[in-house]
N, C-alpha and C. Protein backbone atom coordinates (compact mmCIF):
# COMPACT_ATOMS: atom_id res chain seq x y z
N MET A 1 -10.01 31.26 -5.17
CA MET A 1 -9.74 32.68 -5.27
C MET A 1 -8.23 32.89 -5.49
N PRO A 2 -7.84 33.70 -6.48
CA PRO A 2 -6.42 33.89 -6.74
C PRO A 2 -5.76 34.67 -5.60
N PRO A 3 -4.45 34.51 -5.44
CA PRO A 3 -3.77 35.24 -4.37
C PRO A 3 -3.88 36.75 -4.60
N GLN A 4 -3.90 37.48 -3.51
CA GLN A 4 -4.06 38.92 -3.59
C GLN A 4 -2.81 39.58 -4.16
N ASN A 5 -1.65 39.17 -3.73
CA ASN A 5 -0.40 39.79 -4.16
C ASN A 5 0.55 38.73 -4.70
N ILE A 6 1.29 39.08 -5.75
CA ILE A 6 2.29 38.19 -6.31
C ILE A 6 3.66 38.82 -6.09
N TYR A 7 4.58 38.01 -5.59
CA TYR A 7 5.96 38.41 -5.35
C TYR A 7 6.87 37.53 -6.18
N LEU A 8 8.02 38.06 -6.58
CA LEU A 8 8.97 37.29 -7.37
C LEU A 8 10.35 37.42 -6.75
N VAL A 9 11.02 36.28 -6.60
CA VAL A 9 12.41 36.26 -6.15
C VAL A 9 13.22 35.61 -7.26
N VAL A 10 14.23 36.34 -7.76
CA VAL A 10 15.13 35.81 -8.77
C VAL A 10 16.53 35.80 -8.16
N GLU A 11 16.96 34.62 -7.76
CA GLU A 11 18.23 34.46 -7.04
C GLU A 11 18.82 33.10 -7.38
N PRO A 12 20.06 33.06 -7.88
CA PRO A 12 20.65 31.78 -8.28
C PRO A 12 21.07 30.87 -7.13
N MET A 13 21.24 31.42 -5.92
CA MET A 13 21.67 30.59 -4.79
C MET A 13 20.45 30.13 -4.00
N PRO A 14 20.14 28.84 -4.04
CA PRO A 14 18.92 28.33 -3.39
C PRO A 14 18.73 28.73 -1.93
N PRO A 15 19.76 28.68 -1.07
CA PRO A 15 19.50 29.06 0.33
C PRO A 15 19.04 30.51 0.47
N ILE A 16 19.62 31.40 -0.32
CA ILE A 16 19.23 32.81 -0.26
C ILE A 16 17.82 32.97 -0.82
N ALA A 17 17.54 32.33 -1.95
CA ALA A 17 16.20 32.40 -2.56
C ALA A 17 15.14 31.90 -1.58
N GLU A 18 15.41 30.78 -0.93
CA GLU A 18 14.45 30.21 0.01
C GLU A 18 14.23 31.13 1.21
N ASP A 19 15.31 31.74 1.70
CA ASP A 19 15.19 32.66 2.83
C ASP A 19 14.34 33.87 2.46
N LEU A 20 14.60 34.45 1.29
CA LEU A 20 13.82 35.60 0.84
C LEU A 20 12.35 35.22 0.65
N ALA A 21 12.12 34.08 0.02
CA ALA A 21 10.74 33.63 -0.23
C ALA A 21 9.99 33.39 1.08
N LEU A 22 10.66 32.79 2.04
CA LEU A 22 10.03 32.52 3.33
C LEU A 22 9.68 33.83 4.04
N SER A 23 10.60 34.80 3.98
CA SER A 23 10.34 36.10 4.62
C SER A 23 9.15 36.79 3.96
N LEU A 24 9.08 36.74 2.63
CA LEU A 24 7.94 37.36 1.93
C LEU A 24 6.64 36.66 2.28
N SER A 25 6.67 35.33 2.35
CA SER A 25 5.47 34.56 2.72
C SER A 25 5.02 34.89 4.14
N ASP A 26 5.98 35.04 5.04
CA ASP A 26 5.65 35.40 6.42
C ASP A 26 5.03 36.79 6.47
N GLY A 27 5.53 37.70 5.64
CA GLY A 27 5.04 39.07 5.62
C GLY A 27 3.68 39.22 4.99
N ASP A 28 3.32 38.32 4.09
CA ASP A 28 2.02 38.36 3.41
C ASP A 28 1.55 36.92 3.19
N PRO A 29 0.99 36.30 4.25
CA PRO A 29 0.58 34.89 4.15
C PRO A 29 -0.42 34.61 3.03
N GLY A 30 -1.19 35.61 2.60
CA GLY A 30 -2.15 35.41 1.53
C GLY A 30 -1.57 35.61 0.15
N GLY A 31 -0.31 36.05 0.09
CA GLY A 31 0.33 36.30 -1.19
C GLY A 31 0.93 35.03 -1.79
N GLU A 32 1.36 35.15 -3.03
CA GLU A 32 2.02 34.04 -3.71
C GLU A 32 3.43 34.48 -4.04
N VAL A 33 4.41 33.67 -3.65
CA VAL A 33 5.81 33.97 -3.92
C VAL A 33 6.31 33.02 -4.99
N LEU A 34 6.76 33.59 -6.10
CA LEU A 34 7.35 32.81 -7.19
C LEU A 34 8.86 32.91 -7.06
N VAL A 35 9.55 31.78 -7.20
CA VAL A 35 11.01 31.76 -7.05
C VAL A 35 11.62 31.21 -8.34
N ALA A 36 12.65 31.91 -8.82
CA ALA A 36 13.35 31.50 -10.03
C ALA A 36 14.84 31.69 -9.82
N ALA A 37 15.64 30.81 -10.44
CA ALA A 37 17.09 30.92 -10.34
C ALA A 37 17.67 31.76 -11.47
N THR A 38 16.92 31.90 -12.57
CA THR A 38 17.42 32.63 -13.74
C THR A 38 16.35 33.57 -14.27
N GLU A 39 16.77 34.49 -15.13
CA GLU A 39 15.83 35.40 -15.77
C GLU A 39 14.82 34.62 -16.61
N ALA A 40 15.28 33.62 -17.34
CA ALA A 40 14.38 32.82 -18.18
C ALA A 40 13.31 32.13 -17.33
N GLN A 41 13.71 31.56 -16.21
CA GLN A 41 12.74 30.91 -15.31
C GLN A 41 11.76 31.94 -14.76
N ALA A 42 12.25 33.13 -14.45
CA ALA A 42 11.39 34.18 -13.91
C ALA A 42 10.36 34.61 -14.95
N LEU A 43 10.79 34.79 -16.19
CA LEU A 43 9.86 35.18 -17.25
C LEU A 43 8.78 34.12 -17.43
N GLU A 44 9.18 32.86 -17.36
CA GLU A 44 8.21 31.76 -17.48
C GLU A 44 7.24 31.77 -16.29
N ALA A 45 7.75 32.03 -15.09
CA ALA A 45 6.93 32.01 -13.88
C ALA A 45 5.85 33.10 -13.90
N ILE A 46 6.18 34.28 -14.44
CA ILE A 46 5.21 35.38 -14.41
C ILE A 46 4.32 35.43 -15.65
N GLN A 47 4.62 34.60 -16.63
CA GLN A 47 3.83 34.59 -17.85
C GLN A 47 2.37 34.25 -17.54
N GLY A 48 1.45 35.07 -18.04
CA GLY A 48 0.03 34.84 -17.83
C GLY A 48 -0.47 35.23 -16.45
N ARG A 49 0.39 35.83 -15.65
CA ARG A 49 0.00 36.25 -14.30
C ARG A 49 -0.32 37.73 -14.30
N GLY A 50 -0.95 38.15 -13.25
CA GLY A 50 -1.29 39.55 -13.08
C GLY A 50 -0.10 40.36 -12.59
N PRO A 51 -0.39 41.51 -12.01
CA PRO A 51 0.66 42.40 -11.53
C PRO A 51 1.54 41.74 -10.47
N VAL A 52 2.81 42.07 -10.52
CA VAL A 52 3.76 41.62 -9.51
C VAL A 52 3.97 42.80 -8.57
N VAL A 53 3.71 42.60 -7.29
CA VAL A 53 3.82 43.68 -6.31
C VAL A 53 5.28 44.04 -6.07
N LEU A 54 6.10 43.02 -5.83
CA LEU A 54 7.49 43.25 -5.48
C LEU A 54 8.33 42.15 -6.11
N ALA A 55 9.42 42.55 -6.75
CA ALA A 55 10.37 41.59 -7.32
C ALA A 55 11.74 41.85 -6.70
N ILE A 56 12.35 40.81 -6.18
CA ILE A 56 13.70 40.89 -5.65
C ILE A 56 14.58 40.14 -6.65
N VAL A 57 15.48 40.89 -7.31
CA VAL A 57 16.22 40.34 -8.44
C VAL A 57 17.72 40.48 -8.23
N HIS A 58 18.42 39.37 -8.42
CA HIS A 58 19.88 39.35 -8.33
C HIS A 58 20.42 39.87 -9.66
N ASN A 59 20.76 41.17 -9.69
CA ASN A 59 21.29 41.79 -10.91
C ASN A 59 21.73 43.20 -10.59
N GLY A 60 22.52 43.77 -11.47
CA GLY A 60 22.90 45.17 -11.36
C GLY A 60 21.88 46.03 -12.09
N PRO A 61 21.79 47.32 -11.76
CA PRO A 61 20.76 48.17 -12.35
C PRO A 61 20.82 48.28 -13.87
N GLN A 62 22.00 48.48 -14.43
CA GLN A 62 22.08 48.67 -15.88
C GLN A 62 21.72 47.38 -16.62
N ASP A 63 22.23 46.24 -16.16
CA ASP A 63 21.88 44.96 -16.79
C ASP A 63 20.39 44.68 -16.66
N PHE A 64 19.84 44.97 -15.49
CA PHE A 64 18.42 44.72 -15.29
C PHE A 64 17.57 45.59 -16.22
N LEU A 65 17.93 46.87 -16.36
CA LEU A 65 17.17 47.77 -17.23
C LEU A 65 17.16 47.30 -18.67
N ARG A 66 18.23 46.66 -19.10
CA ARG A 66 18.33 46.18 -20.49
C ARG A 66 17.73 44.80 -20.69
N SER A 67 17.29 44.17 -19.63
CA SER A 67 16.83 42.78 -19.71
C SER A 67 15.35 42.66 -20.07
N ALA A 68 15.00 41.50 -20.61
CA ALA A 68 13.60 41.20 -20.91
C ALA A 68 12.80 41.14 -19.61
N LEU A 69 13.42 40.66 -18.55
CA LEU A 69 12.73 40.60 -17.26
C LEU A 69 12.43 42.01 -16.76
N GLY A 70 13.37 42.92 -16.93
CA GLY A 70 13.15 44.31 -16.53
C GLY A 70 11.94 44.89 -17.24
N ALA A 71 11.84 44.65 -18.54
CA ALA A 71 10.70 45.14 -19.32
C ALA A 71 9.40 44.49 -18.86
N ALA A 72 9.42 43.18 -18.62
CA ALA A 72 8.21 42.47 -18.22
C ALA A 72 7.73 42.93 -16.85
N LEU A 73 8.65 43.18 -15.94
CA LEU A 73 8.24 43.63 -14.60
C LEU A 73 7.76 45.08 -14.64
N ALA A 74 8.35 45.90 -15.50
CA ALA A 74 7.87 47.27 -15.65
C ALA A 74 6.44 47.28 -16.15
N GLU A 75 6.13 46.40 -17.11
CA GLU A 75 4.77 46.29 -17.64
C GLU A 75 3.78 45.87 -16.55
N ARG A 76 4.26 45.11 -15.58
CA ARG A 76 3.38 44.61 -14.51
C ARG A 76 3.37 45.54 -13.30
N GLY A 77 4.06 46.66 -13.39
CA GLY A 77 4.04 47.64 -12.31
C GLY A 77 4.77 47.21 -11.06
N ALA A 78 5.72 46.31 -11.19
CA ALA A 78 6.42 45.79 -10.02
C ALA A 78 7.39 46.81 -9.43
N ARG A 79 7.44 46.82 -8.12
CA ARG A 79 8.52 47.53 -7.43
C ARG A 79 9.68 46.54 -7.41
N VAL A 80 10.86 47.00 -7.84
CA VAL A 80 12.00 46.10 -7.97
C VAL A 80 13.06 46.46 -6.94
N VAL A 81 13.54 45.43 -6.26
CA VAL A 81 14.65 45.56 -5.32
C VAL A 81 15.76 44.67 -5.87
N LEU A 82 16.94 45.25 -6.05
CA LEU A 82 18.07 44.49 -6.57
C LEU A 82 18.94 44.00 -5.43
N ILE A 83 19.55 42.82 -5.65
CA ILE A 83 20.46 42.25 -4.65
C ILE A 83 21.69 41.72 -5.35
N GLY A 84 22.72 41.47 -4.58
CA GLY A 84 23.94 40.88 -5.12
C GLY A 84 25.06 41.90 -5.29
N ASP A 85 26.24 41.39 -5.64
CA ASP A 85 27.43 42.23 -5.76
C ASP A 85 27.25 43.37 -6.74
N ARG A 86 26.73 43.07 -7.94
CA ARG A 86 26.59 44.14 -8.95
C ARG A 86 25.63 45.23 -8.49
N ALA A 87 24.60 44.86 -7.76
CA ALA A 87 23.65 45.86 -7.25
C ALA A 87 24.30 46.71 -6.17
N GLU A 88 25.05 46.06 -5.27
CA GLU A 88 25.68 46.79 -4.17
C GLU A 88 26.82 47.68 -4.63
N GLU A 89 27.53 47.27 -5.69
CA GLU A 89 28.68 48.02 -6.17
C GLU A 89 28.32 49.13 -7.14
N ALA A 90 27.11 49.11 -7.67
CA ALA A 90 26.68 50.12 -8.65
C ALA A 90 26.45 51.46 -7.95
N PRO A 91 26.60 52.55 -8.71
CA PRO A 91 26.25 53.85 -8.13
C PRO A 91 24.77 53.84 -7.74
N PRO A 92 24.39 54.65 -6.76
CA PRO A 92 22.98 54.69 -6.36
C PRO A 92 22.09 54.97 -7.57
N HIS A 93 20.96 54.29 -7.60
CA HIS A 93 20.03 54.40 -8.73
C HIS A 93 18.67 54.77 -8.17
N THR A 94 18.06 55.79 -8.73
CA THR A 94 16.79 56.26 -8.17
C THR A 94 15.63 55.31 -8.42
N GLU A 95 15.74 54.48 -9.43
CA GLU A 95 14.61 53.62 -9.80
C GLU A 95 14.51 52.35 -8.96
N PHE A 96 15.63 51.92 -8.38
CA PHE A 96 15.64 50.65 -7.65
C PHE A 96 16.19 50.81 -6.25
N ALA A 97 15.58 50.09 -5.33
CA ALA A 97 16.17 49.94 -4.01
C ALA A 97 17.18 48.81 -4.10
N VAL A 98 18.16 48.81 -3.22
CA VAL A 98 19.14 47.73 -3.16
C VAL A 98 19.07 47.13 -1.77
N LEU A 99 18.91 45.82 -1.71
CA LEU A 99 18.89 45.10 -0.44
C LEU A 99 20.34 44.79 -0.09
N GLN A 100 20.91 45.60 0.80
CA GLN A 100 22.31 45.45 1.18
C GLN A 100 22.50 44.25 2.10
N ARG A 101 23.60 43.56 1.92
CA ARG A 101 23.94 42.46 2.81
C ARG A 101 24.79 42.99 3.95
N PRO A 102 24.70 42.45 5.13
CA PRO A 102 23.70 41.45 5.50
C PRO A 102 22.35 42.12 5.74
N TYR A 103 21.32 41.55 5.18
CA TYR A 103 19.97 42.08 5.40
C TYR A 103 19.31 41.26 6.49
N ASP A 104 18.24 41.81 7.02
CA ASP A 104 17.47 41.06 8.02
C ASP A 104 15.99 41.13 7.66
N ALA A 105 15.21 40.38 8.36
CA ALA A 105 13.77 40.31 8.06
C ALA A 105 13.11 41.67 8.21
N ASP A 106 13.54 42.47 9.17
CA ASP A 106 12.93 43.80 9.37
C ASP A 106 13.14 44.69 8.14
N HIS A 107 14.35 44.65 7.59
CA HIS A 107 14.64 45.45 6.40
C HIS A 107 13.78 44.98 5.22
N LEU A 108 13.68 43.68 5.06
CA LEU A 108 12.87 43.12 3.98
C LEU A 108 11.39 43.48 4.17
N MET A 109 10.90 43.44 5.41
CA MET A 109 9.50 43.80 5.67
C MET A 109 9.25 45.28 5.38
N ALA A 110 10.23 46.12 5.64
CA ALA A 110 10.09 47.54 5.33
C ALA A 110 9.98 47.75 3.82
N LEU A 111 10.79 47.04 3.05
CA LEU A 111 10.70 47.14 1.59
C LEU A 111 9.35 46.63 1.10
N MET A 112 8.88 45.56 1.71
CA MET A 112 7.60 44.98 1.35
C MET A 112 6.46 45.97 1.65
N ALA A 113 6.52 46.61 2.80
CA ALA A 113 5.50 47.58 3.17
C ALA A 113 5.47 48.74 2.18
N GLN A 114 6.65 49.19 1.75
CA GLN A 114 6.73 50.26 0.75
C GLN A 114 6.08 49.82 -0.55
N ALA A 115 6.34 48.58 -0.95
CA ALA A 115 5.80 48.08 -2.21
C ALA A 115 4.28 47.98 -2.17
N LEU A 116 3.73 47.77 -0.99
CA LEU A 116 2.28 47.61 -0.86
C LEU A 116 1.55 48.95 -0.74
N GLN A 117 2.29 50.05 -0.62
CA GLN A 117 1.68 51.37 -0.56
C GLN A 117 1.16 51.77 -1.93
N PRO A 118 0.06 52.52 -1.99
CA PRO A 118 -0.39 53.05 -3.27
C PRO A 118 0.71 53.91 -3.88
N PRO A 119 0.81 53.98 -5.22
CA PRO A 119 1.89 54.71 -5.89
C PRO A 119 2.06 56.14 -5.42
N ASP A 120 0.97 56.88 -5.15
CA ASP A 120 1.12 58.26 -4.73
C ASP A 120 1.79 58.36 -3.36
N LYS A 121 1.65 57.32 -2.53
CA LYS A 121 2.29 57.33 -1.21
C LYS A 121 3.79 57.04 -1.33
N VAL A 122 4.16 56.16 -2.28
CA VAL A 122 5.56 55.79 -2.45
C VAL A 122 6.36 56.99 -2.91
N SER A 123 5.81 57.77 -3.83
CA SER A 123 6.55 58.92 -4.37
C SER A 123 6.52 60.12 -3.42
N GLY A 124 5.74 60.01 -2.37
CA GLY A 124 5.68 61.09 -1.39
C GLY A 124 4.65 62.14 -1.73
N GLY A 125 3.83 61.89 -2.75
CA GLY A 125 2.86 62.90 -3.19
C GLY A 125 1.54 62.64 -2.74
């Protein structure tokens, strides 16, 4: 049986990527967490897969919106959370949440819970 939920972590620093992936796995033991260090690896990882519930991507909002990964995740209906310096330094963006450092497991679980809500619940409608 395929996993119920697919998560994606795109982070170039292995310790951070592993920490995020472990937290997502703990939050949804039946889910599948895909980890990639680059956009190209992420595109390869999600190729042929179903919807991505939540993607945590090391990028700034404008660069992400212009990227092939941004388009691919939009097609899959993923909720995207951006991390890293460019995400934290960018002006607030309504389309993306930003995982501010230092983050903790509770904050990550809250973002995960939001991503698992039906779309009408996320928008408040």
